């Protein structure tokens, strides 16, 4: 494994342990080049058959966990949600998609899964994501979505507080 800092080919594994979900191995490595000696982390995953995403226009692209994570992270920006929680949400969505869809998954399914997860996780993040995903064109559409979320909360469904300001 090449050192990401100096590019040397010689690194050694200091520690290995399974990831939280058991599907990855986390390895702490150290560059053994005299001038560097820096440490870094790598993750080992099982290589899976590509899962293709079928877009609205019927074009296909390979599923990208990074793209999923970036979208969720953007919706949760400046919200009090730990990065580990966002990773876990991504892991769970990807795991379920790979179980349910062998080769191709419609992009709409991914969007709905993200919305479901964010709805439970954080109301503000949910509304942010929904406004982009559902392409809200006006304030009335946004208001309807917020009122539906508040209605769910009034019915006792497990939802986050909408009226708490963020610390940021």
N, C-alpha and C. Protein backbone atom coordinates (compact mmCIF):
# COMPACT_ATOMS: atom_id res chain seq x y z
N UNK A 1 0.85 -1.17 0.00
CA UNK A 1 0.00 0.00 0.00
C UNK A 1 0.89 1.23 0.00
N UNK A 2 0.62 2.16 -0.90
CA UNK A 2 1.41 3.39 -0.98
C UNK A 2 1.00 4.36 0.12
N UNK A 3 1.97 5.06 0.63
CA UNK A 3 1.71 6.10 1.63
C UNK A 3 1.06 7.29 0.93
N UNK A 4 -0.09 7.78 1.46
CA UNK A 4 -0.75 8.92 0.81
C UNK A 4 0.00 10.24 1.01
N UNK A 5 0.98 10.25 1.90
CA UNK A 5 1.72 11.48 2.19
C UNK A 5 3.00 11.61 1.37
N UNK A 6 3.79 10.53 1.31
CA UNK A 6 5.06 10.64 0.61
C UNK A 6 5.13 9.76 -0.65
N UNK A 7 4.16 8.86 -0.82
CA UNK A 7 4.11 8.02 -2.01
C UNK A 7 5.00 6.78 -1.94
N UNK A 8 5.65 6.55 -0.81
CA UNK A 8 6.51 5.37 -0.67
C UNK A 8 5.68 4.10 -0.72
N UNK A 9 6.29 3.04 -1.26
CA UNK A 9 5.58 1.76 -1.38
C UNK A 9 5.55 0.95 -0.09
N UNK A 10 6.37 1.31 0.86
CA UNK A 10 6.52 0.49 2.05
C UNK A 10 5.71 1.03 3.23
N UNK A 11 4.66 0.33 3.57
CA UNK A 11 3.89 0.65 4.76
C UNK A 11 3.67 -0.64 5.52
N UNK A 12 3.38 -0.52 6.79
CA UNK A 12 3.09 -1.72 7.58
C UNK A 12 1.78 -1.52 8.32
N UNK A 13 1.11 -2.63 8.56
CA UNK A 13 -0.15 -2.62 9.29
C UNK A 13 0.17 -2.62 10.77
N UNK A 14 -0.39 -1.65 11.49
CA UNK A 14 -0.18 -1.55 12.93
C UNK A 14 -1.32 -2.25 13.67
N UNK A 15 -2.53 -2.08 13.15
CA UNK A 15 -3.70 -2.63 13.81
C UNK A 15 -4.77 -2.93 12.77
N UNK A 16 -5.49 -4.04 12.94
CA UNK A 16 -6.62 -4.38 12.08
C UNK A 16 -7.81 -4.72 12.97
N UNK A 17 -8.96 -4.25 12.56
CA UNK A 17 -10.17 -4.64 13.29
C UNK A 17 -11.36 -4.52 12.37
N UNK A 18 -12.41 -5.32 12.63
CA UNK A 18 -13.59 -5.26 11.78
C UNK A 18 -14.33 -3.93 11.97
N UNK A 19 -14.98 -3.49 10.88
CA UNK A 19 -15.81 -2.30 10.97
C UNK A 19 -17.05 -2.60 11.79
N UNK A 20 -17.82 -1.55 12.08
CA UNK A 20 -19.01 -1.71 12.93
C UNK A 20 -20.01 -2.70 12.38
N UNK A 21 -20.20 -2.69 11.07
CA UNK A 21 -21.22 -3.57 10.48
C UNK A 21 -20.67 -4.94 10.11
N UNK A 22 -19.37 -5.15 10.30
CA UNK A 22 -18.77 -6.44 10.02
C UNK A 22 -18.45 -6.68 8.55
N UNK A 23 -18.77 -5.73 7.69
CA UNK A 23 -18.52 -5.94 6.26
C UNK A 23 -17.23 -5.26 5.78
N UNK A 24 -16.55 -4.58 6.68
CA UNK A 24 -15.29 -3.93 6.33
C UNK A 24 -14.23 -4.27 7.37
N UNK A 25 -12.99 -4.10 6.98
CA UNK A 25 -11.88 -4.22 7.92
C UNK A 25 -11.14 -2.89 7.91
N UNK A 26 -10.96 -2.34 9.08
CA UNK A 26 -10.26 -1.07 9.24
C UNK A 26 -8.82 -1.40 9.61
N UNK A 27 -7.89 -0.81 8.87
CA UNK A 27 -6.48 -1.06 9.15
C UNK A 27 -5.76 0.27 9.39
N UNK A 28 -5.04 0.36 10.50
CA UNK A 28 -4.16 1.49 10.76
C UNK A 28 -2.81 1.11 10.20
N UNK A 29 -2.24 1.98 9.40
CA UNK A 29 -0.97 1.70 8.74
C UNK A 29 0.03 2.79 9.09
N UNK A 30 1.31 2.42 8.92
CA UNK A 30 2.37 3.37 9.16
C UNK A 30 3.36 3.28 8.00
N UNK A 31 3.78 4.42 7.50
CA UNK A 31 4.79 4.46 6.45
C UNK A 31 6.13 4.14 7.10
N UNK A 32 6.87 3.21 6.48
CA UNK A 32 8.16 2.85 7.08
C UNK A 32 9.33 3.56 6.40
N UNK A 33 9.01 4.51 5.53
CA UNK A 33 10.05 5.35 4.92
C UNK A 33 10.60 6.27 6.02
N UNK A 34 11.92 6.33 6.15
CA UNK A 34 12.58 7.08 7.23
C UNK A 34 12.12 8.54 7.32
N UNK A 35 11.99 9.20 6.19
CA UNK A 35 11.68 10.62 6.19
C UNK A 35 10.21 10.92 6.49
N UNK A 36 9.36 9.90 6.44
CA UNK A 36 7.92 10.14 6.60
C UNK A 36 7.43 9.62 7.96
N UNK A 37 7.20 8.31 8.05
CA UNK A 37 6.75 7.70 9.30
C UNK A 37 5.33 8.05 9.71
N UNK A 38 4.54 8.65 8.80
CA UNK A 38 3.17 9.06 9.15
C UNK A 38 2.22 7.87 9.16
N UNK A 39 1.12 8.02 9.87
CA UNK A 39 0.11 6.97 9.99
C UNK A 39 -1.15 7.37 9.25
N UNK A 40 -1.86 6.36 8.75
CA UNK A 40 -3.12 6.60 8.05
C UNK A 40 -4.00 5.36 8.18
N UNK A 41 -5.26 5.52 7.80
CA UNK A 41 -6.25 4.44 7.92
C UNK A 41 -6.71 4.02 6.54
N UNK A 42 -6.85 2.71 6.35
CA UNK A 42 -7.45 2.18 5.12
C UNK A 42 -8.61 1.28 5.51
N UNK A 43 -9.51 1.08 4.57
CA UNK A 43 -10.66 0.21 4.77
C UNK A 43 -10.68 -0.83 3.67
N UNK A 44 -10.94 -2.05 4.03
CA UNK A 44 -11.02 -3.14 3.07
C UNK A 44 -12.46 -3.61 3.03
N UNK A 45 -13.03 -3.67 1.82
CA UNK A 45 -14.41 -4.12 1.62
C UNK A 45 -14.42 -5.23 0.58
N UNK A 46 -15.44 -6.04 0.63
CA UNK A 46 -15.63 -7.06 -0.39
C UNK A 46 -16.01 -6.35 -1.68
N UNK A 47 -15.36 -6.73 -2.77
CA UNK A 47 -15.71 -6.14 -4.06
C UNK A 47 -17.01 -6.77 -4.53
N UNK A 48 -17.98 -5.92 -4.76
CA UNK A 48 -19.29 -6.41 -5.17
C UNK A 48 -19.53 -6.08 -6.64
N UNK A 49 -20.44 -6.85 -7.22
CA UNK A 49 -20.83 -6.59 -8.60
C UNK A 49 -21.43 -5.19 -8.66
N UNK A 50 -21.15 -4.45 -9.70
CA UNK A 50 -21.68 -3.09 -9.78
C UNK A 50 -23.21 -3.08 -9.77
N UNK A 51 -23.75 -2.14 -9.01
CA UNK A 51 -25.18 -1.90 -8.99
C UNK A 51 -25.41 -0.66 -9.84
N UNK A 52 -26.22 -0.80 -10.88
CA UNK A 52 -26.46 0.32 -11.78
C UNK A 52 -27.71 1.09 -11.34
N UNK A 53 -27.62 2.40 -11.41
CA UNK A 53 -28.74 3.27 -11.08
C UNK A 53 -29.39 3.70 -12.38
N UNK A 54 -30.71 3.49 -12.48
CA UNK A 54 -31.46 3.89 -13.66
C UNK A 54 -32.07 5.26 -13.37
N UNK A 55 -31.59 6.28 -14.08
CA UNK A 55 -32.04 7.65 -13.87
C UNK A 55 -33.41 7.87 -14.52
N UNK A 56 -34.01 9.05 -14.24
CA UNK A 56 -35.32 9.38 -14.80
C UNK A 56 -35.33 9.31 -16.33
N UNK A 57 -34.24 9.74 -16.96
CA UNK A 57 -34.16 9.74 -18.42
C UNK A 57 -33.72 8.39 -19.00
N UNK A 58 -33.71 7.36 -18.13
CA UNK A 58 -33.34 5.99 -18.48
C UNK A 58 -31.85 5.78 -18.71
N UNK A 59 -31.05 6.81 -18.49
CA UNK A 59 -29.60 6.61 -18.55
C UNK A 59 -29.19 5.83 -17.31
N UNK A 60 -28.08 5.14 -17.42
CA UNK A 60 -27.59 4.34 -16.31
C UNK A 60 -26.20 4.80 -15.89
N UNK A 61 -25.98 4.76 -14.58
CA UNK A 61 -24.65 5.04 -14.05
C UNK A 61 -24.43 4.12 -12.85
N UNK A 62 -23.18 3.87 -12.57
CA UNK A 62 -22.85 2.97 -11.47
C UNK A 62 -23.20 3.63 -10.13
N UNK A 63 -23.77 2.84 -9.22
CA UNK A 63 -24.11 3.32 -7.89
C UNK A 63 -22.83 3.80 -7.21
N UNK A 64 -22.91 4.95 -6.57
CA UNK A 64 -21.76 5.51 -5.88
C UNK A 64 -22.14 5.80 -4.43
N UNK A 65 -21.51 5.06 -3.53
CA UNK A 65 -21.77 5.29 -2.11
C UNK A 65 -21.31 6.69 -1.72
N UNK A 66 -20.22 7.16 -2.34
CA UNK A 66 -19.73 8.50 -2.06
C UNK A 66 -20.75 9.56 -2.45
N UNK A 67 -21.40 9.37 -3.57
CA UNK A 67 -22.42 10.33 -4.02
C UNK A 67 -23.60 10.31 -3.05
N UNK A 68 -23.99 9.13 -2.60
CA UNK A 68 -25.06 9.00 -1.62
C UNK A 68 -24.68 9.74 -0.34
N UNK A 69 -23.47 9.51 0.14
CA UNK A 69 -23.00 10.15 1.37
C UNK A 69 -22.97 11.67 1.22
N UNK A 70 -22.47 12.15 0.09
CA UNK A 70 -22.39 13.61 -0.12
C UNK A 70 -23.77 14.25 -0.10
N UNK A 71 -24.76 13.58 -0.71
CA UNK A 71 -26.12 14.12 -0.72
C UNK A 71 -26.72 14.19 0.68
N UNK A 72 -26.51 13.14 1.45
CA UNK A 72 -27.03 13.11 2.82
C UNK A 72 -26.28 14.13 3.68
N UNK A 73 -24.97 14.20 3.49
CA UNK A 73 -24.16 15.15 4.25
C UNK A 73 -24.59 16.60 3.95
N UNK A 74 -24.87 16.88 2.70
CA UNK A 74 -25.29 18.24 2.32
C UNK A 74 -26.61 18.60 3.00
N UNK A 75 -27.54 17.65 3.04
CA UNK A 75 -28.84 17.92 3.69
C UNK A 75 -28.67 18.12 5.20
N UNK A 76 -27.66 17.48 5.78
CA UNK A 76 -27.44 17.54 7.23
C UNK A 76 -26.44 18.60 7.64
N UNK A 77 -26.00 19.40 6.68
CA UNK A 77 -25.01 20.43 6.95
C UNK A 77 -25.49 21.36 8.07
N UNK A 78 -24.60 21.63 9.02
CA UNK A 78 -24.85 22.51 10.16
C UNK A 78 -25.95 22.00 11.09
N UNK A 79 -26.19 20.70 11.04
CA UNK A 79 -27.14 20.06 11.95
C UNK A 79 -26.33 19.24 12.96
N UNK A 80 -26.86 19.03 14.15
CA UNK A 80 -26.09 18.31 15.19
C UNK A 80 -26.14 16.80 15.01
N UNK A 81 -25.62 16.34 13.87
CA UNK A 81 -25.65 14.91 13.55
C UNK A 81 -24.22 14.44 13.35
N UNK A 82 -23.77 13.46 14.15
CA UNK A 82 -22.39 12.98 14.02
C UNK A 82 -22.13 12.30 12.67
N UNK A 83 -20.91 12.40 12.20
CA UNK A 83 -20.52 11.78 10.93
C UNK A 83 -20.73 10.27 10.96
N UNK A 84 -20.54 9.66 12.13
CA UNK A 84 -20.75 8.21 12.25
C UNK A 84 -22.20 7.84 11.96
N UNK A 85 -23.12 8.69 12.36
CA UNK A 85 -24.54 8.45 12.09
C UNK A 85 -24.81 8.51 10.60
N UNK A 86 -24.22 9.48 9.92
CA UNK A 86 -24.41 9.60 8.47
C UNK A 86 -23.82 8.39 7.76
N UNK A 87 -22.65 7.93 8.22
CA UNK A 87 -22.04 6.72 7.65
C UNK A 87 -22.97 5.52 7.83
N UNK A 88 -23.54 5.40 9.02
CA UNK A 88 -24.43 4.27 9.30
C UNK A 88 -25.68 4.32 8.42
N UNK A 89 -26.22 5.51 8.20
CA UNK A 89 -27.39 5.66 7.32
C UNK A 89 -27.02 5.21 5.91
N UNK A 90 -25.88 5.66 5.41
CA UNK A 90 -25.43 5.25 4.07
C UNK A 90 -25.23 3.74 3.99
N UNK A 91 -24.58 3.18 5.01
CA UNK A 91 -24.35 1.74 5.03
C UNK A 91 -25.67 0.97 4.95
N UNK A 92 -26.64 1.41 5.74
CA UNK A 92 -27.93 0.71 5.79
C UNK A 92 -28.68 0.83 4.46
N UNK A 93 -28.68 2.02 3.87
CA UNK A 93 -29.36 2.20 2.58
C UNK A 93 -28.69 1.33 1.52
N UNK A 94 -27.35 1.37 1.46
CA UNK A 94 -26.65 0.56 0.45
C UNK A 94 -26.89 -0.93 0.67
N UNK A 95 -26.83 -1.36 1.92
CA UNK A 95 -27.04 -2.78 2.22
C UNK A 95 -28.42 -3.25 1.75
N UNK A 96 -29.44 -2.47 2.05
CA UNK A 96 -30.81 -2.85 1.65
C UNK A 96 -30.97 -2.82 0.13
N UNK A 97 -30.37 -1.85 -0.52
CA UNK A 97 -30.46 -1.79 -1.99
C UNK A 97 -29.82 -3.02 -2.62
N UNK A 98 -28.64 -3.39 -2.12
CA UNK A 98 -27.95 -4.55 -2.69
C UNK A 98 -28.69 -5.86 -2.40
N UNK A 99 -29.41 -5.92 -1.30
CA UNK A 99 -30.22 -7.10 -1.01
C UNK A 99 -31.45 -7.20 -1.91
N UNK A 100 -32.06 -6.06 -2.17
CA UNK A 100 -33.33 -6.03 -2.92
C UNK A 100 -33.16 -5.94 -4.43
N UNK A 101 -32.07 -5.37 -4.88
CA UNK A 101 -31.87 -5.17 -6.32
C UNK A 101 -30.55 -5.81 -6.72
N UNK A 102 -30.63 -6.74 -7.63
CA UNK A 102 -29.44 -7.49 -8.01
C UNK A 102 -28.52 -6.69 -8.93
N UNK A 103 -29.09 -6.04 -9.95
CA UNK A 103 -28.24 -5.36 -10.93
C UNK A 103 -28.58 -3.89 -11.14
N UNK A 104 -29.87 -3.56 -11.12
CA UNK A 104 -30.29 -2.19 -11.41
C UNK A 104 -31.32 -1.73 -10.37
N UNK A 105 -31.20 -0.46 -10.00
CA UNK A 105 -32.14 0.14 -9.06
C UNK A 105 -32.56 1.50 -9.62
N UNK A 106 -33.86 1.79 -9.60
CA UNK A 106 -34.29 3.11 -10.06
C UNK A 106 -33.81 4.21 -9.11
N UNK A 107 -33.41 5.33 -9.65
CA UNK A 107 -32.93 6.43 -8.82
C UNK A 107 -34.02 6.90 -7.85
N UNK A 108 -35.27 6.79 -8.26
CA UNK A 108 -36.39 7.20 -7.40
C UNK A 108 -36.41 6.38 -6.11
N UNK A 109 -36.05 5.11 -6.18
CA UNK A 109 -36.02 4.26 -4.99
C UNK A 109 -34.95 4.77 -4.02
N UNK A 110 -33.80 5.12 -4.55
CA UNK A 110 -32.73 5.63 -3.70
C UNK A 110 -33.17 6.93 -3.03
N UNK A 111 -33.76 7.82 -3.80
CA UNK A 111 -34.24 9.09 -3.25
C UNK A 111 -35.26 8.89 -2.14
N UNK A 112 -36.18 7.96 -2.33
CA UNK A 112 -37.20 7.69 -1.30
C UNK A 112 -36.57 7.09 -0.05
N UNK A 113 -35.57 6.22 -0.23
CA UNK A 113 -34.88 5.63 0.93
C UNK A 113 -34.17 6.71 1.74
N UNK A 114 -33.54 7.64 1.04
CA UNK A 114 -32.85 8.73 1.73
C UNK A 114 -33.87 9.59 2.46
N UNK A 115 -34.98 9.89 1.81
CA UNK A 115 -36.02 10.70 2.46
C UNK A 115 -36.56 10.02 3.71
N UNK A 116 -36.81 8.72 3.62
CA UNK A 116 -37.30 7.97 4.79
C UNK A 116 -36.30 8.05 5.94
N UNK A 117 -35.03 7.87 5.63
CA UNK A 117 -33.99 7.89 6.67
C UNK A 117 -33.87 9.29 7.29
N UNK A 118 -33.88 10.31 6.45
CA UNK A 118 -33.75 11.67 6.97
C UNK A 118 -34.99 12.10 7.75
N UNK A 119 -36.14 11.60 7.35
CA UNK A 119 -37.38 11.93 8.06
C UNK A 119 -37.30 11.47 9.51
N UNK A 120 -36.70 10.31 9.73
CA UNK A 120 -36.54 9.80 11.09
C UNK A 120 -35.38 10.47 11.82
N UNK A 121 -34.37 10.86 11.08
CA UNK A 121 -33.14 11.39 11.68
C UNK A 121 -33.26 12.85 12.09
N UNK A 122 -33.73 13.71 11.18
CA UNK A 122 -33.73 15.14 11.44
C UNK A 122 -34.71 15.84 10.50
N UNK A 123 -35.68 16.53 11.07
CA UNK A 123 -36.72 17.20 10.28
C UNK A 123 -36.19 18.24 9.33
N UNK A 124 -35.23 19.03 9.77
CA UNK A 124 -34.67 20.08 8.92
C UNK A 124 -33.92 19.46 7.74
N UNK A 125 -33.11 18.45 8.01
CA UNK A 125 -32.38 17.77 6.93
C UNK A 125 -33.35 17.14 5.94
N UNK A 126 -34.43 16.58 6.47
CA UNK A 126 -35.45 15.97 5.61
C UNK A 126 -36.05 17.02 4.66
N UNK A 127 -36.44 18.17 5.21
CA UNK A 127 -37.06 19.22 4.38
C UNK A 127 -36.06 19.74 3.35
N UNK A 128 -34.81 19.89 3.75
CA UNK A 128 -33.77 20.34 2.80
C UNK A 128 -33.65 19.37 1.64
N UNK A 129 -33.54 18.09 1.97
CA UNK A 129 -33.38 17.09 0.92
C UNK A 129 -34.63 17.03 0.05
N UNK A 130 -35.80 17.02 0.69
CA UNK A 130 -37.06 16.94 -0.04
C UNK A 130 -37.24 18.11 -1.00
N UNK A 131 -36.80 19.30 -0.58
CA UNK A 131 -36.98 20.48 -1.44
C UNK A 131 -36.19 20.35 -2.74
N UNK A 132 -35.04 19.70 -2.68
CA UNK A 132 -34.25 19.48 -3.89
C UNK A 132 -34.76 18.26 -4.64
N UNK A 133 -34.96 17.15 -3.91
CA UNK A 133 -35.36 15.90 -4.54
C UNK A 133 -36.72 16.01 -5.22
N UNK A 134 -37.65 16.62 -4.56
CA UNK A 134 -39.01 16.76 -5.13
C UNK A 134 -39.17 18.03 -5.95
N UNK A 135 -38.08 18.76 -6.09
CA UNK A 135 -38.04 19.96 -6.93
C UNK A 135 -39.16 20.94 -6.60
N UNK A 136 -39.22 21.34 -5.33
CA UNK A 136 -40.24 22.32 -4.93
C UNK A 136 -40.07 23.59 -5.75
N UNK A 137 -41.16 24.05 -6.34
CA UNK A 137 -41.11 25.23 -7.21
C UNK A 137 -41.60 26.49 -6.50
N UNK A 138 -42.28 26.32 -5.35
CA UNK A 138 -42.81 27.48 -4.66
C UNK A 138 -42.90 27.22 -3.16
N UNK A 139 -43.17 28.28 -2.42
CA UNK A 139 -43.24 28.19 -0.96
C UNK A 139 -44.42 27.33 -0.51
N UNK A 140 -45.52 27.35 -1.26
CA UNK A 140 -46.70 26.57 -0.88
C UNK A 140 -46.38 25.06 -0.84
N UNK A 141 -45.63 24.59 -1.80
CA UNK A 141 -45.25 23.17 -1.83
C UNK A 141 -44.38 22.83 -0.62
N UNK A 142 -43.45 23.72 -0.31
CA UNK A 142 -42.59 23.53 0.85
C UNK A 142 -43.42 23.52 2.13
N UNK A 143 -44.35 24.45 2.23
CA UNK A 143 -45.22 24.53 3.41
C UNK A 143 -46.04 23.26 3.59
N UNK A 144 -46.57 22.72 2.49
CA UNK A 144 -47.34 21.47 2.58
C UNK A 144 -46.49 20.34 3.15
N UNK A 145 -45.23 20.27 2.72
CA UNK A 145 -44.34 19.21 3.20
C UNK A 145 -44.04 19.38 4.69
N UNK A 146 -43.80 20.62 5.11
CA UNK A 146 -43.53 20.89 6.53
C UNK A 146 -44.77 20.58 7.37
N UNK A 147 -45.94 20.96 6.89
CA UNK A 147 -47.18 20.68 7.62
C UNK A 147 -47.44 19.18 7.72
N UNK A 148 -47.12 18.43 6.69
CA UNK A 148 -47.25 16.98 6.74
C UNK A 148 -46.31 16.39 7.79
N UNK A 149 -45.11 16.93 7.85
CA UNK A 149 -44.14 16.48 8.84
C UNK A 149 -44.62 16.79 10.25
N UNK A 150 -45.16 17.97 10.45
CA UNK A 150 -45.70 18.36 11.75
C UNK A 150 -46.91 17.49 12.10
N UNK A 151 -47.74 17.18 11.11
CA UNK A 151 -48.89 16.30 11.34
C UNK A 151 -48.46 14.91 11.78
N UNK A 152 -47.41 14.39 11.18
CA UNK A 152 -46.87 13.09 11.59
C UNK A 152 -46.41 13.15 13.04
N UNK A 153 -45.77 14.23 13.39
CA UNK A 153 -45.28 14.40 14.76
C UNK A 153 -46.45 14.46 15.74
N UNK A 154 -47.51 15.16 15.34
CA UNK A 154 -48.69 15.27 16.21
C UNK A 154 -49.37 13.92 16.42
N UNK A 155 -49.26 13.04 15.42
CA UNK A 155 -49.84 11.70 15.54
C UNK A 155 -48.96 10.77 16.36
N UNK A 156 -47.82 11.28 16.82
CA UNK A 156 -46.95 10.49 17.68
C UNK A 156 -45.91 9.67 16.96
N UNK A 157 -45.77 9.87 15.67
CA UNK A 157 -44.73 9.13 14.95
C UNK A 157 -43.37 9.65 15.40
N UNK A 158 -42.38 8.77 15.40
CA UNK A 158 -41.04 9.11 15.87
C UNK A 158 -40.37 10.07 14.88
N UNK A 159 -40.38 11.35 15.26
CA UNK A 159 -39.76 12.37 14.42
C UNK A 159 -38.97 13.34 15.28
N UNK A 160 -37.97 13.96 14.74
CA UNK A 160 -37.17 14.92 15.51
C UNK A 160 -37.91 16.22 15.73
N UNK A 161 -37.40 17.03 16.63
CA UNK A 161 -37.95 18.35 16.89
C UNK A 161 -37.64 19.26 15.69
N UNK A 162 -38.63 20.01 15.27
CA UNK A 162 -38.40 20.96 14.18
C UNK A 162 -38.07 22.34 14.69
N UNK A 163 -38.44 22.63 15.95
CA UNK A 163 -38.33 23.98 16.45
C UNK A 163 -37.05 24.25 17.24
N UNK A 164 -36.14 23.29 17.31
CA UNK A 164 -34.89 23.52 18.01
C UNK A 164 -33.87 24.14 17.07
N UNK A 165 -33.31 25.30 17.42
CA UNK A 165 -32.30 25.89 16.56
C UNK A 165 -31.00 25.10 16.64
N UNK A 166 -30.24 25.15 15.57
CA UNK A 166 -28.95 24.44 15.58
C UNK A 166 -27.94 25.31 16.32
N UNK A 167 -26.87 24.69 16.78
CA UNK A 167 -25.83 25.41 17.53
C UNK A 167 -24.90 26.18 16.62
N UNK A 168 -25.00 25.94 15.30
CA UNK A 168 -24.07 26.57 14.37
C UNK A 168 -24.42 28.00 14.07
